Protein backbone atom coordinates (compact mmCIF):
# COMPACT_ATOMS: atom_id res chain seq x y z
CA MET A 1 -93.36 -12.63 69.15
CA PHE A 2 -96.45 -14.07 70.75
CA VAL A 3 -98.91 -16.56 69.37
CA TYR A 4 -102.60 -15.85 69.77
CA TYR A 5 -105.01 -18.78 69.53
CA ARG A 6 -108.49 -17.91 68.35
CA MET A 7 -111.02 -19.90 66.35
CA TYR A 8 -108.49 -22.73 66.00
CA LYS A 9 -106.12 -20.49 64.05
CA PHE A 10 -102.71 -19.30 65.07
CA ARG A 11 -101.82 -15.71 64.41
CA TRP A 12 -98.36 -14.29 64.89
CA LEU A 13 -98.59 -10.95 66.58
CA SER A 14 -95.98 -8.37 67.36
CA THR A 15 -95.59 -6.99 70.86
CA SER A 16 -97.50 -3.87 69.80
CA ALA A 17 -100.52 -6.02 68.96
CA VAL A 18 -100.39 -7.63 72.39
CA PHE A 19 -100.43 -4.15 73.93
CA PHE A 20 -103.86 -3.59 72.35
CA HIS A 21 -105.18 -6.94 73.61
CA ARG A 22 -107.77 -5.40 75.94
CA SER A 23 -108.85 -2.65 73.55
CA ARG A 24 -111.60 -2.72 70.95
CA LEU A 25 -109.00 -2.58 68.17
CA PHE A 26 -107.56 -5.98 69.02
CA PRO A 27 -109.92 -8.12 66.87
CA VAL A 28 -109.38 -5.76 63.93
CA LEU A 29 -105.62 -5.82 64.45
CA VAL A 30 -105.53 -9.62 64.62
CA TYR A 31 -107.04 -10.00 61.18
CA LEU A 32 -105.52 -6.97 59.45
CA LEU A 33 -101.97 -7.11 60.75
CA PRO A 34 -100.78 -10.15 58.80
CA ARG A 35 -102.42 -8.91 55.59
CA GLU A 36 -100.98 -5.43 56.01
CA ILE A 37 -97.52 -6.82 56.63
CA LEU A 38 -97.78 -8.97 53.54
CA LEU A 39 -98.98 -6.05 51.43
CA LYS A 40 -96.15 -3.83 52.65
CA MET A 41 -93.61 -6.53 51.91
CA PHE A 42 -95.11 -7.10 48.46
CA ARG A 43 -94.99 -3.38 47.70
CA LYS A 44 -91.34 -3.19 48.73
CA LEU A 45 -90.44 -6.26 46.67
CA ALA A 46 -92.29 -4.93 43.64
CA LEU A 47 -90.47 -1.60 43.92
CA LEU A 48 -87.15 -3.41 44.27
CA ALA A 49 -87.92 -5.52 41.19
CA LEU A 50 -88.73 -2.40 39.16
CA VAL A 51 -85.65 -0.45 40.26
CA THR A 52 -83.08 -3.27 39.96
CA PRO A 53 -82.74 -3.15 36.14
CA LEU A 54 -82.17 0.61 36.31
CA VAL A 55 -79.21 0.24 38.65
CA SER A 56 -76.92 -1.31 36.04
CA ALA A 57 -75.58 1.46 33.85
CA LEU A 58 -73.64 -0.76 31.44
CA THR A 59 -74.17 0.97 28.08
CA LEU A 60 -73.12 -0.72 24.83
CA HIS A 61 -72.01 1.27 21.75
CA ILE A 62 -72.06 -0.32 18.31
CA PRO A 63 -70.19 0.76 15.17
CA ASP A 64 -71.97 1.73 11.96
CA ASN A 65 -70.89 -0.93 9.51
CA ILE A 66 -71.10 -4.42 10.95
CA ARG A 67 -70.43 -7.05 8.31
CA THR A 68 -70.62 -10.81 8.52
CA SER A 69 -67.25 -12.61 8.85
CA GLN A 70 -65.44 -9.32 9.56
CA PRO A 71 -63.76 -8.07 12.76
CA VAL A 72 -65.69 -5.49 14.77
CA THR A 73 -64.90 -3.54 17.95
CA ILE A 74 -67.66 -2.99 20.50
CA THR A 75 -67.20 -0.39 23.26
CA TRP A 76 -69.17 0.26 26.43
CA ASP A 77 -69.43 2.55 29.45
CA THR A 78 -69.60 1.27 33.02
CA VAL A 79 -70.22 2.63 36.49
CA PRO A 80 -69.30 1.17 39.88
CA GLY A 81 -71.69 -1.62 40.78
CA ASP A 82 -71.93 -3.10 37.29
CA PRO A 83 -71.49 -6.86 36.95
CA TYR A 84 -68.01 -8.38 37.23
CA THR A 85 -68.27 -10.28 33.93
CA PHE A 86 -70.75 -10.55 31.12
CA THR A 87 -71.31 -12.27 27.79
CA LEU A 88 -72.07 -10.55 24.48
CA GLU A 89 -74.81 -12.08 22.35
CA LEU A 90 -76.07 -11.15 18.90
CA THR A 91 -79.84 -11.64 18.73
CA ASN A 92 -82.55 -11.26 16.14
CA GLU A 93 -85.97 -11.63 17.73
CA GLU A 94 -87.82 -11.59 14.41
CA PHE A 95 -86.18 -14.81 13.28
CA HIS A 96 -85.34 -16.18 16.76
CA ASP A 97 -81.60 -16.13 16.12
CA GLN A 98 -79.18 -15.91 19.05
CA PHE A 99 -75.40 -16.11 18.72
CA ALA A 100 -72.94 -16.06 21.64
CA LEU A 101 -70.08 -13.82 20.55
CA VAL A 102 -67.67 -13.34 23.48
CA ASN A 103 -67.83 -14.91 26.97
CA ASN A 104 -66.51 -13.75 30.35
CA ILE A 105 -65.77 -10.16 29.39
CA ASP A 106 -64.24 -7.92 32.05
CA PRO A 107 -66.25 -4.65 31.99
CA ASN A 108 -63.17 -2.64 32.99
CA GLN A 109 -61.63 -3.30 29.54
CA GLY A 110 -64.05 -0.86 27.91
CA SER A 111 -63.95 -2.59 24.51
CA VAL A 112 -63.61 -5.96 22.83
CA THR A 113 -62.75 -6.93 19.25
CA PHE A 114 -64.09 -10.11 17.69
CA THR A 115 -65.03 -11.54 14.31
CA VAL A 116 -68.73 -11.49 13.53
CA PRO A 117 -69.89 -15.03 12.76
CA VAL A 118 -71.48 -15.95 9.46
CA VAL A 119 -75.05 -14.79 10.00
CA PRO A 120 -77.90 -14.06 7.60
CA VAL A 121 -77.58 -10.59 6.07
CA ARG A 122 -80.57 -8.60 7.33
CA GLY A 123 -81.71 -6.00 9.83
CA GLY A 124 -83.31 -6.33 13.24
CA TYR A 125 -80.20 -7.48 15.11
CA THR A 126 -79.47 -6.31 18.65
CA LEU A 127 -76.43 -6.80 20.83
CA GLU A 128 -77.04 -7.88 24.45
CA ALA A 129 -74.75 -7.97 27.47
CA VAL A 130 -76.07 -10.90 29.51
CA ASN A 131 -75.26 -12.71 32.74
CA VAL A 132 -72.66 -15.45 32.20
CA GLY A 133 -74.66 -17.99 34.21
CA ASN A 134 -78.16 -16.98 33.06
CA ILE A 135 -78.58 -15.59 29.54
CA GLY A 136 -82.12 -14.53 30.39
CA ASP A 137 -80.66 -11.89 32.73
CA VAL A 138 -79.92 -9.02 30.32
CA TYR A 139 -77.69 -6.24 31.67
CA SER A 140 -77.79 -4.01 28.60
CA LYS A 141 -79.26 -4.06 25.10
CA THR A 142 -78.52 -1.95 22.03
CA GLY A 143 -80.97 -0.63 19.53
CA GLN A 144 -81.60 -2.53 16.32
CA PHE A 145 -78.99 -2.54 13.56
CA SER A 146 -78.25 -4.38 10.32
CA VAL A 147 -75.53 -6.88 9.56
CA GLY A 148 -74.26 -6.32 6.03
CA GLU A 149 -72.72 -8.51 3.41
CA THR A 150 -68.96 -8.99 3.37
CA PHE A 151 -67.18 -7.07 0.65
CA ILE A 152 -65.16 -9.40 -1.59
CA THR A 153 -62.00 -7.72 -2.74
CA GLY A 154 -60.85 -8.61 -6.24
CA SER A 155 -57.67 -10.59 -6.72
CA SER A 156 -56.15 -11.68 -9.95
CA SER A 157 -54.09 -14.71 -10.73
CA SER A 158 -52.69 -15.94 -13.96
CA SER A 159 -51.19 -19.14 -15.18
CA SER A 160 -49.51 -20.00 -18.42
CA THR A 161 -48.60 -23.28 -20.03
CA THR A 162 -46.11 -23.80 -22.85
CA ARG A 163 -46.26 -26.98 -24.86
CA THR A 164 -43.89 -28.19 -27.49
CA GLY A 165 -44.20 -31.43 -29.31
CA THR A 166 -43.30 -33.41 -32.41
CA SER A 167 -45.53 -35.85 -34.17
CA THR A 168 -44.65 -38.03 -37.14
CA THR A 169 -47.22 -39.58 -39.42
CA GLY A 170 -45.97 -41.62 -42.32
CA SER A 171 -43.65 -39.47 -44.32
CA THR A 172 -45.03 -36.17 -43.03
CA SER A 173 -43.42 -34.57 -40.01
CA THR A 174 -45.10 -31.81 -38.01
CA THR A 175 -43.44 -29.83 -35.31
CA GLY A 176 -45.51 -27.43 -33.23
CA THR A 177 -45.02 -24.95 -30.43
CA GLY A 178 -47.99 -23.42 -28.64
CA THR A 179 -48.52 -21.11 -25.70
CA THR A 180 -51.73 -21.00 -23.73
CA SER A 181 -52.43 -18.41 -21.05
CA ARG A 182 -55.38 -18.02 -18.76
CA SER A 183 -56.19 -15.09 -16.49
CA THR A 184 -58.92 -14.82 -13.85
CA THR A 185 -60.14 -11.80 -12.01
C-alpha cells in the first residue's frame, strides 16, 4: 500500500491506483476508490446479515394441546451447522410475557420434555429457541398457539365419625349413639 498526499489529506491507494498515477484517471481514482471499496464492503456485509438467519435450519415442532402446569414434549429438526446449545423460551408478545423453559439443550437430542409453568390461559404464545448467552439472538420460532387450562380430575374422599355418649340430668338419664358421615367429590 502507498500513501498519496494531496490537499493535506492522506489517501490509501492500492498498487493498481499507483499504476494509473500519470494517467488522466488518477484524480478520479483517488476520490472514488475509497468510496467504492466501502460500498462494496457494505454490500457484502448487508448480504451476509440477510443470509445468516437463513443458515440455521433448527425447526421446532409443538404439540396440539399445551396446558399450564402439565408436562409437554417439544421436538425439533436440525442440520449440520446448527448451534451447539440453545434455550427454549415461551413468549407472548401481546402481553410482553417471556418465560425461560429449558436451558442448555443439546440439539442432537431431538426432543425435550418439561412441565409448562403456571402461565395465563390465553392464545398468542410462541416458542423460541434462543442463544444461551444472548436471548435476543433467536435461532428458531414457532407459530402462535394457545396455552389451555389444566383439567382437574375428580377425586372423592369420605370421612365418618361415630360418637357415643351418656348424659345424666337430675333423675333423667339419656344415652345416645350417633353416626355422622361426610363425603366430598
